[in-house]
Amino acid sequence: MEAIFKPGDYIINRASGDIAIIDKITKKNYYHFKKYYSSMFHELKDTKNPLYDLQVDYQKLFDLCTDEEKKAFDELINKDIY
């Protein structure tokens, strides 16, 4: 499966509420993230942990964020609310 998102994109899983900023896509077809917010735990996750990488097959569960969602996520990051 081909990656549909690109580095710098803000993506959201509308069912779970998880939101992330894509850092890069590896040759093995994994998305790595700059920032990843877990809605279940209401916290930013350690994106150095491979547990939060996303195989591109699961990209179908995510959408691009709206400008309003991007702004809200940036505010959350800047306030360091975890």
N, C-alpha and C. Protein backbone atom coordinates (compact mmCIF):
# COMPACT_ATOMS: atom_id res chain seq x y z
N MET A 1 0.84 -1.18 0.00
CA MET A 1 0.00 0.00 0.00
C MET A 1 0.89 1.24 0.00
N GLU A 2 0.51 2.20 -0.77
CA GLU A 2 1.24 3.45 -0.91
C GLU A 2 0.84 4.44 0.20
N ALA A 3 1.79 5.17 0.74
CA ALA A 3 1.51 6.17 1.76
C ALA A 3 0.72 7.33 1.14
N ILE A 4 -0.37 7.73 1.80
CA ILE A 4 -1.18 8.83 1.28
C ILE A 4 -0.91 10.15 2.01
N PHE A 5 -0.30 10.07 3.18
CA PHE A 5 0.04 11.28 3.93
C PHE A 5 1.52 11.56 3.75
N LYS A 6 1.92 12.80 4.02
CA LYS A 6 3.31 13.18 3.84
C LYS A 6 3.84 13.85 5.11
N PRO A 7 5.16 13.95 5.24
CA PRO A 7 5.73 14.60 6.41
C PRO A 7 5.16 16.01 6.59
N GLY A 8 4.85 16.32 7.85
CA GLY A 8 4.26 17.61 8.17
C GLY A 8 2.75 17.59 8.24
N ASP A 9 2.13 16.54 7.71
CA ASP A 9 0.66 16.44 7.77
C ASP A 9 0.20 16.17 9.20
N TYR A 10 -0.90 16.79 9.55
CA TYR A 10 -1.58 16.52 10.81
C TYR A 10 -2.69 15.54 10.48
N ILE A 11 -2.71 14.41 11.19
CA ILE A 11 -3.74 13.41 10.93
C ILE A 11 -4.50 13.08 12.21
N ILE A 12 -5.74 12.65 12.04
CA ILE A 12 -6.58 12.34 13.19
C ILE A 12 -7.38 11.07 12.91
N ASN A 13 -7.53 10.28 13.95
CA ASN A 13 -8.43 9.14 13.91
C ASN A 13 -9.70 9.62 14.60
N ARG A 14 -10.72 9.88 13.83
CA ARG A 14 -11.94 10.47 14.37
C ARG A 14 -12.68 9.52 15.33
N ALA A 15 -12.49 8.22 15.17
CA ALA A 15 -13.15 7.27 16.07
C ALA A 15 -12.50 7.26 17.46
N SER A 16 -11.17 7.28 17.50
CA SER A 16 -10.47 7.21 18.78
C SER A 16 -10.11 8.59 19.33
N GLY A 17 -9.96 9.57 18.45
CA GLY A 17 -9.56 10.91 18.88
C GLY A 17 -8.05 11.10 18.88
N ASP A 18 -7.28 10.06 18.51
CA ASP A 18 -5.83 10.21 18.44
C ASP A 18 -5.47 11.17 17.31
N ILE A 19 -4.43 11.95 17.55
CA ILE A 19 -4.00 12.95 16.56
C ILE A 19 -2.48 12.97 16.54
N ALA A 20 -1.89 13.20 15.36
CA ALA A 20 -0.44 13.14 15.23
C ALA A 20 0.05 14.06 14.12
N ILE A 21 1.33 14.37 14.21
CA ILE A 21 2.02 15.11 13.14
C ILE A 21 3.05 14.15 12.56
N ILE A 22 3.00 13.92 11.27
CA ILE A 22 3.91 12.98 10.62
C ILE A 22 5.30 13.59 10.49
N ASP A 23 6.30 12.80 10.90
CA ASP A 23 7.69 13.21 10.78
C ASP A 23 8.31 12.67 9.49
N LYS A 24 8.16 11.34 9.29
CA LYS A 24 8.73 10.72 8.09
C LYS A 24 8.04 9.40 7.82
N ILE A 25 8.29 8.87 6.64
CA ILE A 25 7.80 7.56 6.24
C ILE A 25 9.03 6.73 5.88
N THR A 26 9.16 5.56 6.50
CA THR A 26 10.34 4.73 6.27
C THR A 26 10.21 3.90 5.00
N LYS A 27 11.32 3.31 4.60
CA LYS A 27 11.32 2.42 3.43
C LYS A 27 10.48 1.17 3.69
N LYS A 28 10.26 0.84 4.96
CA LYS A 28 9.44 -0.33 5.32
C LYS A 28 7.97 0.05 5.47
N ASN A 29 7.63 1.26 5.01
CA ASN A 29 6.25 1.75 5.03
C ASN A 29 5.66 1.94 6.43
N TYR A 30 6.43 2.59 7.27
CA TYR A 30 5.94 2.99 8.59
C TYR A 30 5.98 4.50 8.69
N TYR A 31 4.91 5.06 9.25
CA TYR A 31 4.91 6.48 9.58
C TYR A 31 5.57 6.64 10.94
N HIS A 32 6.45 7.63 11.04
CA HIS A 32 7.02 8.04 12.32
C HIS A 32 6.46 9.44 12.59
N PHE A 33 6.27 9.77 13.85
CA PHE A 33 5.60 11.01 14.20
C PHE A 33 6.49 11.97 14.98
N LYS A 34 6.27 13.28 14.74
CA LYS A 34 6.91 14.32 15.54
C LYS A 34 6.21 14.39 16.89
N LYS A 35 4.89 14.38 16.84
CA LYS A 35 4.05 14.44 18.04
C LYS A 35 2.89 13.48 17.86
N TYR A 36 2.49 12.83 18.97
CA TYR A 36 1.36 11.91 18.92
C TYR A 36 0.58 12.06 20.22
N TYR A 37 -0.69 12.39 20.09
CA TYR A 37 -1.56 12.55 21.26
C TYR A 37 -2.51 11.37 21.34
N SER A 38 -2.49 10.70 22.48
CA SER A 38 -3.39 9.58 22.73
C SER A 38 -4.63 10.10 23.46
N SER A 39 -5.75 10.00 22.82
CA SER A 39 -7.00 10.44 23.42
C SER A 39 -7.40 9.55 24.59
N MET A 40 -7.08 8.26 24.50
CA MET A 40 -7.45 7.33 25.57
C MET A 40 -6.77 7.71 26.89
N PHE A 41 -5.50 8.09 26.80
CA PHE A 41 -4.74 8.41 28.00
C PHE A 41 -4.60 9.91 28.23
N HIS A 42 -5.13 10.72 27.32
CA HIS A 42 -5.08 12.18 27.42
C HIS A 42 -3.65 12.68 27.63
N GLU A 43 -2.74 12.17 26.79
CA GLU A 43 -1.35 12.60 26.93
C GLU A 43 -0.61 12.50 25.60
N LEU A 44 0.45 13.30 25.52
CA LEU A 44 1.37 13.18 24.39
C LEU A 44 2.26 11.99 24.65
N LYS A 45 2.47 11.18 23.64
CA LYS A 45 3.27 9.97 23.78
C LYS A 45 4.71 10.21 23.34
N ASP A 46 5.61 9.37 23.84
CA ASP A 46 7.02 9.41 23.47
C ASP A 46 7.15 8.85 22.06
N THR A 47 7.34 9.73 21.09
CA THR A 47 7.38 9.29 19.69
C THR A 47 8.68 8.57 19.33
N LYS A 48 9.63 8.51 20.25
CA LYS A 48 10.84 7.71 20.01
C LYS A 48 10.56 6.23 20.24
N ASN A 49 9.45 5.94 20.91
CA ASN A 49 9.05 4.57 21.18
C ASN A 49 8.40 4.00 19.91
N PRO A 50 8.94 2.91 19.36
CA PRO A 50 8.38 2.35 18.12
C PRO A 50 6.93 1.88 18.26
N LEU A 51 6.44 1.78 19.47
CA LEU A 51 5.05 1.40 19.69
C LEU A 51 4.09 2.38 19.02
N TYR A 52 4.52 3.62 18.83
CA TYR A 52 3.65 4.64 18.25
C TYR A 52 3.92 4.90 16.78
N ASP A 53 4.69 4.03 16.13
CA ASP A 53 4.83 4.09 14.68
C ASP A 53 3.57 3.48 14.08
N LEU A 54 3.24 3.86 12.87
CA LEU A 54 2.01 3.37 12.24
C LEU A 54 2.32 2.76 10.89
N GLN A 55 1.98 1.51 10.70
CA GLN A 55 2.16 0.85 9.42
C GLN A 55 1.15 1.47 8.45
N VAL A 56 1.55 1.74 7.23
CA VAL A 56 0.69 2.47 6.28
C VAL A 56 -0.64 1.77 6.00
N ASP A 57 -0.72 0.47 6.23
CA ASP A 57 -2.00 -0.21 6.02
C ASP A 57 -3.10 0.36 6.92
N TYR A 58 -2.71 0.95 8.04
CA TYR A 58 -3.69 1.50 8.98
C TYR A 58 -4.02 2.96 8.72
N GLN A 59 -3.44 3.54 7.67
CA GLN A 59 -3.71 4.94 7.36
C GLN A 59 -5.17 5.16 6.99
N LYS A 60 -5.86 4.10 6.59
CA LYS A 60 -7.27 4.22 6.23
C LYS A 60 -8.13 4.62 7.43
N LEU A 61 -7.60 4.49 8.64
CA LEU A 61 -8.33 4.87 9.84
C LEU A 61 -8.16 6.35 10.18
N PHE A 62 -7.31 7.04 9.43
CA PHE A 62 -6.99 8.44 9.72
C PHE A 62 -7.43 9.37 8.59
N ASP A 63 -7.68 10.61 8.95
CA ASP A 63 -8.00 11.68 8.00
C ASP A 63 -7.05 12.84 8.25
N LEU A 64 -6.93 13.72 7.27
CA LEU A 64 -6.20 14.96 7.50
C LEU A 64 -7.01 15.83 8.46
N CYS A 65 -6.32 16.55 9.32
CA CYS A 65 -6.98 17.44 10.27
C CYS A 65 -7.47 18.70 9.56
N THR A 66 -8.52 19.25 10.11
CA THR A 66 -8.99 20.56 9.65
C THR A 66 -8.08 21.62 10.25
N ASP A 67 -8.18 22.85 9.76
CA ASP A 67 -7.37 23.94 10.32
C ASP A 67 -7.69 24.14 11.81
N GLU A 68 -8.94 23.99 12.18
CA GLU A 68 -9.34 24.14 13.58
C GLU A 68 -8.71 23.05 14.45
N GLU A 69 -8.68 21.83 13.97
CA GLU A 69 -8.06 20.73 14.71
C GLU A 69 -6.55 20.93 14.84
N LYS A 70 -5.92 21.40 13.77
CA LYS A 70 -4.48 21.69 13.82
C LYS A 70 -4.19 22.74 14.89
N LYS A 71 -4.98 23.79 14.89
CA LYS A 71 -4.78 24.87 15.86
C LYS A 71 -4.94 24.36 17.29
N ALA A 72 -5.96 23.55 17.54
CA ALA A 72 -6.19 22.99 18.88
C ALA A 72 -5.03 22.09 19.30
N PHE A 73 -4.50 21.29 18.36
CA PHE A 73 -3.38 20.40 18.68
C PHE A 73 -2.13 21.21 18.96
N ASP A 74 -1.86 22.23 18.16
CA ASP A 74 -0.71 23.10 18.41
C ASP A 74 -0.80 23.77 19.77
N GLU A 75 -1.99 24.21 20.15
CA GLU A 75 -2.17 24.82 21.47
C GLU A 75 -1.89 23.82 22.58
N LEU A 76 -2.35 22.59 22.40
CA LEU A 76 -2.11 21.54 23.39
C LEU A 76 -0.60 21.29 23.53
N ILE A 77 0.10 21.21 22.41
CA ILE A 77 1.55 20.98 22.44
C ILE A 77 2.26 22.15 23.12
N ASN A 78 1.88 23.37 22.76
CA ASN A 78 2.54 24.56 23.30
C ASN A 78 2.28 24.77 24.79
N LYS A 79 1.16 24.29 25.28
CA LYS A 79 0.85 24.40 26.70
C LYS A 79 1.43 23.26 27.52
N ASP A 80 2.01 22.28 26.82
CA ASP A 80 2.57 21.09 27.47
C ASP A 80 1.55 20.41 28.37
N ILE A 81 0.33 20.29 27.88
CA ILE A 81 -0.71 19.59 28.63
C ILE A 81 -0.60 18.12 28.25
N TYR A 82 -0.28 17.31 29.19
CA TYR A 82 -0.15 15.88 28.94
C TYR A 82 -1.15 15.17 29.84
